[in-house]
């Protein structure tokens, strides 16, 4: 998504539902960074969890100043 690589993922829970997460990575010059976002919300299907992760990743990288950049030293 632009200058970032967003990788959505899903994870099965013990009760048969799914959790969503995504990672954001960027490499530029001598510096690179990666952040992982995990969500507590559960979904009935893997597809629903993946759609949520993709949407959240898109929203995060489209922000003028993404929250993962604010946490960088």
C-alpha atoms as a PDB file:
ATOM      1  CA  UNK A   1       0.000   0.000   0.000  1.00  0.00           C
ATOM      2  CA  UNK A   2       2.141   2.827  -1.261  1.00  0.00           C
ATOM      3  CA  UNK A   3       5.531   2.890   0.440  1.00  0.00           C
ATOM      4  CA  UNK A   4       4.474   0.270   3.001  1.00  0.00           C
ATOM      5  CA  UNK A   5       4.094  -3.491   2.815  1.00  0.00           C
ATOM      6  CA  UNK A   6       0.976  -4.572   4.694  1.00  0.00           C
ATOM      7  CA  UNK A   7       0.579  -8.269   5.437  1.00  0.00           C
ATOM      8  CA  UNK A   8      -2.800  -9.352   6.827  1.00  0.00           C
ATOM      9  CA  UNK A   9      -3.110 -12.576   8.801  1.00  0.00           C
ATOM     10  CA  UNK A  10      -5.785 -14.630  10.541  1.00  0.00           C
ATOM     11  CA  UNK A  11      -5.466 -16.872  13.563  1.00  0.00           C
ATOM     12  CA  UNK A  12      -7.936 -19.556  14.685  1.00  0.00           C
ATOM     13  CA  UNK A  13      -9.137 -19.399  18.290  1.00  0.00           C
ATOM     14  CA  UNK A  14      -9.858 -22.320  20.616  1.00  0.00           C
ATOM     15  CA  UNK A  15     -13.607 -21.786  20.184  1.00  0.00           C
ATOM     16  CA  UNK A  16     -13.559 -22.071  16.373  1.00  0.00           C
ATOM     17  CA  UNK A  17     -13.601 -18.344  15.586  1.00  0.00           C
ATOM     18  CA  UNK A  18     -10.793 -16.253  14.056  1.00  0.00           C
ATOM     19  CA  UNK A  19      -8.721 -13.255  15.110  1.00  0.00           C
ATOM     20  CA  UNK A  20      -7.193 -10.704  12.766  1.00  0.00           C
ATOM     21  CA  UNK A  21      -3.779  -9.077  12.666  1.00  0.00           C
ATOM     22  CA  UNK A  22      -1.577  -7.272  10.197  1.00  0.00           C
ATOM     23  CA  UNK A  23       2.025  -6.201   9.966  1.00  0.00           C
ATOM     24  CA  UNK A  24       3.340  -3.024   8.384  1.00  0.00           C
ATOM     25  CA  UNK A  25       6.873  -2.953   7.020  1.00  0.00           C
ATOM     26  CA  UNK A  26       8.927  -0.271   5.379  1.00  0.00           C
ATOM     27  CA  UNK A  27      12.515  -0.190   4.201  1.00  0.00           C
ATOM     28  CA  UNK A  28      14.084   3.041   3.110  1.00  0.00           C
ATOM     29  CA  UNK A  29      17.771   3.844   2.879  1.00  0.00           C
ATOM     30  CA  UNK A  30      19.633   2.664   5.965  1.00  0.00           C
ATOM     31  CA  UNK A  31      16.523   2.364   8.120  1.00  0.00           C
ATOM     32  CA  UNK A  32      13.701  -0.096   8.168  1.00  0.00           C
ATOM     33  CA  UNK A  33      10.937  -0.930  10.576  1.00  0.00           C
ATOM     34  CA  UNK A  34       8.035  -3.269  11.110  1.00  0.00           C
ATOM     35  CA  UNK A  35       5.049  -3.188  13.427  1.00  0.00           C
ATOM     36  CA  UNK A  36       2.443  -5.847  14.157  1.00  0.00           C
ATOM     37  CA  UNK A  37      -1.154  -4.970  15.067  1.00  0.00           C
ATOM     38  CA  UNK A  38      -3.274  -7.669  16.751  1.00  0.00           C
ATOM     39  CA  UNK A  39      -6.978  -7.328  17.472  1.00  0.00           C
ATOM     40  CA  UNK A  40      -9.050  -8.842  20.284  1.00  0.00           C
ATOM     41  CA  UNK A  41     -12.233  -8.936  18.222  1.00  0.00           C
ATOM     42  CA  UNK A  42     -13.165 -12.401  16.902  1.00  0.00           C
ATOM     43  CA  UNK A  43     -14.875 -13.276  13.636  1.00  0.00           C
ATOM     44  CA  UNK A  44     -17.057 -16.173  12.526  1.00  0.00           C
ATOM     45  CA  UNK A  45     -14.989 -16.833   9.392  1.00  0.00           C
ATOM     46  CA  UNK A  46     -11.403 -16.567   8.233  1.00  0.00           C
ATOM     47  CA  UNK A  47     -12.540 -14.371   5.321  1.00  0.00           C
ATOM     48  CA  UNK A  48     -14.217 -11.876   7.656  1.00  0.00           C
ATOM     49  CA  UNK A  49     -11.101 -11.664   9.837  1.00  0.00           C
ATOM     50  CA  UNK A  50      -8.903 -11.167   6.774  1.00  0.00           C
ATOM     51  CA  UNK A  51     -11.152  -8.421   5.394  1.00  0.00           C
ATOM     52  CA  UNK A  52     -10.983  -6.640   8.745  1.00  0.00           C
ATOM     53  CA  UNK A  53      -7.166  -6.916   8.813  1.00  0.00           C
ATOM     54  CA  UNK A  54      -6.845  -5.611   5.236  1.00  0.00           C
ATOM     55  CA  UNK A  55      -9.176  -2.700   5.959  1.00  0.00           C
ATOM     56  CA  UNK A  56      -7.383  -1.750   9.169  1.00  0.00           C
ATOM     57  CA  UNK A  57      -4.010  -1.956   7.412  1.00  0.00           C
ATOM     58  CA  UNK A  58      -5.250   0.277   4.613  1.00  0.00           C
ATOM     59  CA  UNK A  59      -6.662   2.809   7.082  1.00  0.00           C
ATOM     60  CA  UNK A  60      -3.459   2.833   9.121  1.00  0.00           C
ATOM     61  CA  UNK A  61      -1.170   3.425   6.135  1.00  0.00           C
ATOM     62  CA  UNK A  62      -3.428   6.103   4.599  1.00  0.00           C
ATOM     63  CA  UNK A  63      -3.317   8.316   7.680  1.00  0.00           C
ATOM     64  CA  UNK A  64      -1.154  11.456   7.311  1.00  0.00           C
ATOM     65  CA  UNK A  65       0.842  10.383  10.374  1.00  0.00           C
ATOM     66  CA  UNK A  66       0.287   6.662  11.045  1.00  0.00           C
ATOM     67  CA  UNK A  67       0.299   5.593  14.695  1.00  0.00           C
ATOM     68  CA  UNK A  68       3.133   3.111  14.116  1.00  0.00           C
ATOM     69  CA  UNK A  69       5.404   5.977  13.034  1.00  0.00           C
ATOM     70  CA  UNK A  70       4.621   7.943  16.219  1.00  0.00           C
ATOM     71  CA  UNK A  71       6.020   5.078  18.297  1.00  0.00           C
ATOM     72  CA  UNK A  72       9.381   5.055  16.525  1.00  0.00           C
ATOM     73  CA  UNK A  73      12.439   6.445  18.342  1.00  0.00           C
END
